[in-house]
Amino acid sequence: SSRRHDRFIKPTLYAEAGIESYWRIERTEAGPVAHLYTRASGEHYALHRSVNPGENVLAELPYPVQVAPAAWPH
């Protein structure tokens, strides 16, 4: 499924490409949730932060961006 691909395959490909951080968006019953992952070591990423529905956050990685999941279409 796409969820399995997003969680297991893509991070390995991102690490091989030298990508230092990435966002993964997940649907929840409350609305979309944005998860920011940063490279911890080698091909491993660690969760840096999550932005939940109802939050409006100025995220600093990979560059300054306003993240407001509640404003996104469901």
C-alpha atoms as a PDB file:
ATOM      1  CA  SER A   1       0.000   0.000   0.000  1.00  0.00           C
ATOM      2  CA  SER A   2       1.002   3.617  -0.306  1.00  0.00           C
ATOM      3  CA  ARG A   3       1.272   3.998   3.480  1.00  0.00           C
ATOM      4  CA  ARG A   4       3.825   1.168   3.703  1.00  0.00           C
ATOM      5  CA  HIS A   5       5.775   2.646   0.762  1.00  0.00           C
ATOM      6  CA  ASP A   6       5.764   6.104   2.398  1.00  0.00           C
ATOM      7  CA  ARG A   7       6.975   4.757   5.756  1.00  0.00           C
ATOM      8  CA  PHE A   8       9.595   2.206   4.708  1.00  0.00           C
ATOM      9  CA  ILE A   9      10.730   2.600   1.091  1.00  0.00           C
ATOM     10  CA  LYS A  10      10.767   6.365   0.583  1.00  0.00           C
ATOM     11  CA  PRO A  11      12.936   7.224   3.622  1.00  0.00           C
ATOM     12  CA  THR A  12      15.659   4.871   2.364  1.00  0.00           C
ATOM     13  CA  LEU A  13      15.513   6.475  -1.082  1.00  0.00           C
ATOM     14  CA  TYR A  14      15.601   9.957   0.473  1.00  0.00           C
ATOM     15  CA  ALA A  15      18.695   9.046   2.507  1.00  0.00           C
ATOM     16  CA  GLU A  16      20.437   7.631  -0.578  1.00  0.00           C
ATOM     17  CA  ALA A  17      19.711  10.924  -2.358  1.00  0.00           C
ATOM     18  CA  GLY A  18      21.180  12.950   0.538  1.00  0.00           C
ATOM     19  CA  ILE A  19      17.875  14.488   1.640  1.00  0.00           C
ATOM     20  CA  GLU A  20      18.280  15.815   5.179  1.00  0.00           C
ATOM     21  CA  SER A  21      14.598  16.235   6.073  1.00  0.00           C
ATOM     22  CA  TYR A  22      11.140  15.531   4.694  1.00  0.00           C
ATOM     23  CA  TRP A  23       7.466  15.931   5.576  1.00  0.00           C
ATOM     24  CA  ARG A  24       4.954  13.061   5.629  1.00  0.00           C
ATOM     25  CA  ILE A  25       1.258  13.926   5.737  1.00  0.00           C
ATOM     26  CA  GLU A  26      -1.196  11.445   7.236  1.00  0.00           C
ATOM     27  CA  ARG A  27      -4.978  11.455   7.307  1.00  0.00           C
ATOM     28  CA  THR A  28      -6.610  11.076  10.695  1.00  0.00           C
ATOM     29  CA  GLU A  29     -10.217  11.282  11.832  1.00  0.00           C
ATOM     30  CA  ALA A  30      -9.476  14.766  13.213  1.00  0.00           C
ATOM     31  CA  GLY A  31      -7.897  15.916   9.924  1.00  0.00           C
ATOM     32  CA  PRO A  32      -4.456  15.883   8.333  1.00  0.00           C
ATOM     33  CA  VAL A  33      -1.336  15.673  10.480  1.00  0.00           C
ATOM     34  CA  ALA A  34       2.078  16.759   9.166  1.00  0.00           C
ATOM     35  CA  HIS A  35       5.165  14.935  10.469  1.00  0.00           C
ATOM     36  CA  LEU A  36       8.642  16.362   9.895  1.00  0.00           C
ATOM     37  CA  TYR A  37      11.519  13.866   9.885  1.00  0.00           C
ATOM     38  CA  THR A  38      15.219  14.755   9.932  1.00  0.00           C
ATOM     39  CA  ARG A  39      18.145  12.495   9.183  1.00  0.00           C
ATOM     40  CA  ALA A  40      19.578  11.127  12.421  1.00  0.00           C
ATOM     41  CA  SER A  41      22.366   8.923  11.014  1.00  0.00           C
ATOM     42  CA  GLY A  42      23.045   7.033   7.815  1.00  0.00           C
ATOM     43  CA  GLU A  43      19.736   5.944   6.329  1.00  0.00           C
ATOM     44  CA  HIS A  44      17.771   6.575   9.524  1.00  0.00           C
ATOM     45  CA  TYR A  45      15.427   9.461  10.167  1.00  0.00           C
ATOM     46  CA  ALA A  46      13.957  10.633  13.458  1.00  0.00           C
ATOM     47  CA  LEU A  47      10.686  12.450  14.044  1.00  0.00           C
ATOM     48  CA  HIS A  48      11.532  16.120  14.553  1.00  0.00           C
ATOM     49  CA  ARG A  49       7.998  17.429  15.111  1.00  0.00           C
ATOM     50  CA  SER A  50       4.347  16.917  14.251  1.00  0.00           C
ATOM     51  CA  VAL A  51       1.760  19.557  13.387  1.00  0.00           C
ATOM     52  CA  ASN A  52      -1.783  18.549  14.267  1.00  0.00           C
ATOM     53  CA  PRO A  53      -5.133  19.790  12.982  1.00  0.00           C
ATOM     54  CA  GLY A  54      -5.926  23.164  14.500  1.00  0.00           C
ATOM     55  CA  GLU A  55      -2.267  24.154  14.811  1.00  0.00           C
ATOM     56  CA  ASN A  56      -0.649  26.843  12.694  1.00  0.00           C
ATOM     57  CA  VAL A  57       3.148  26.597  12.934  1.00  0.00           C
ATOM     58  CA  LEU A  58       6.075  28.342  11.277  1.00  0.00           C
ATOM     59  CA  ALA A  59       8.368  25.371  10.693  1.00  0.00           C
ATOM     60  CA  GLU A  60      12.093  25.960  10.252  1.00  0.00           C
ATOM     61  CA  LEU A  61      13.073  22.856   8.252  1.00  0.00           C
ATOM     62  CA  PRO A  62      13.952  22.300   5.494  1.00  0.00           C
ATOM     63  CA  TYR A  63      13.258  26.047   5.112  1.00  0.00           C
ATOM     64  CA  PRO A  64      10.810  28.421   6.804  1.00  0.00           C
ATOM     65  CA  VAL A  65       7.265  27.400   5.877  1.00  0.00           C
ATOM     66  CA  GLN A  66       3.857  27.989   7.449  1.00  0.00           C
ATOM     67  CA  VAL A  67       2.176  24.651   8.236  1.00  0.00           C
ATOM     68  CA  ALA A  68      -1.571  24.741   8.986  1.00  0.00           C
ATOM     69  CA  PRO A  69      -3.147  21.305   8.422  1.00  0.00           C
ATOM     70  CA  ALA A  70      -6.670  22.496   9.293  1.00  0.00           C
ATOM     71  CA  ALA A  71      -6.567  24.774   6.235  1.00  0.00           C
ATOM     72  CA  TRP A  72      -5.936  21.863   3.878  1.00  0.00           C
ATOM     73  CA  PRO A  73      -8.790  20.097   2.095  1.00  0.00           C
ATOM     74  CA  HIS A  74      -9.742  16.760   3.652  1.00  0.00           C
END
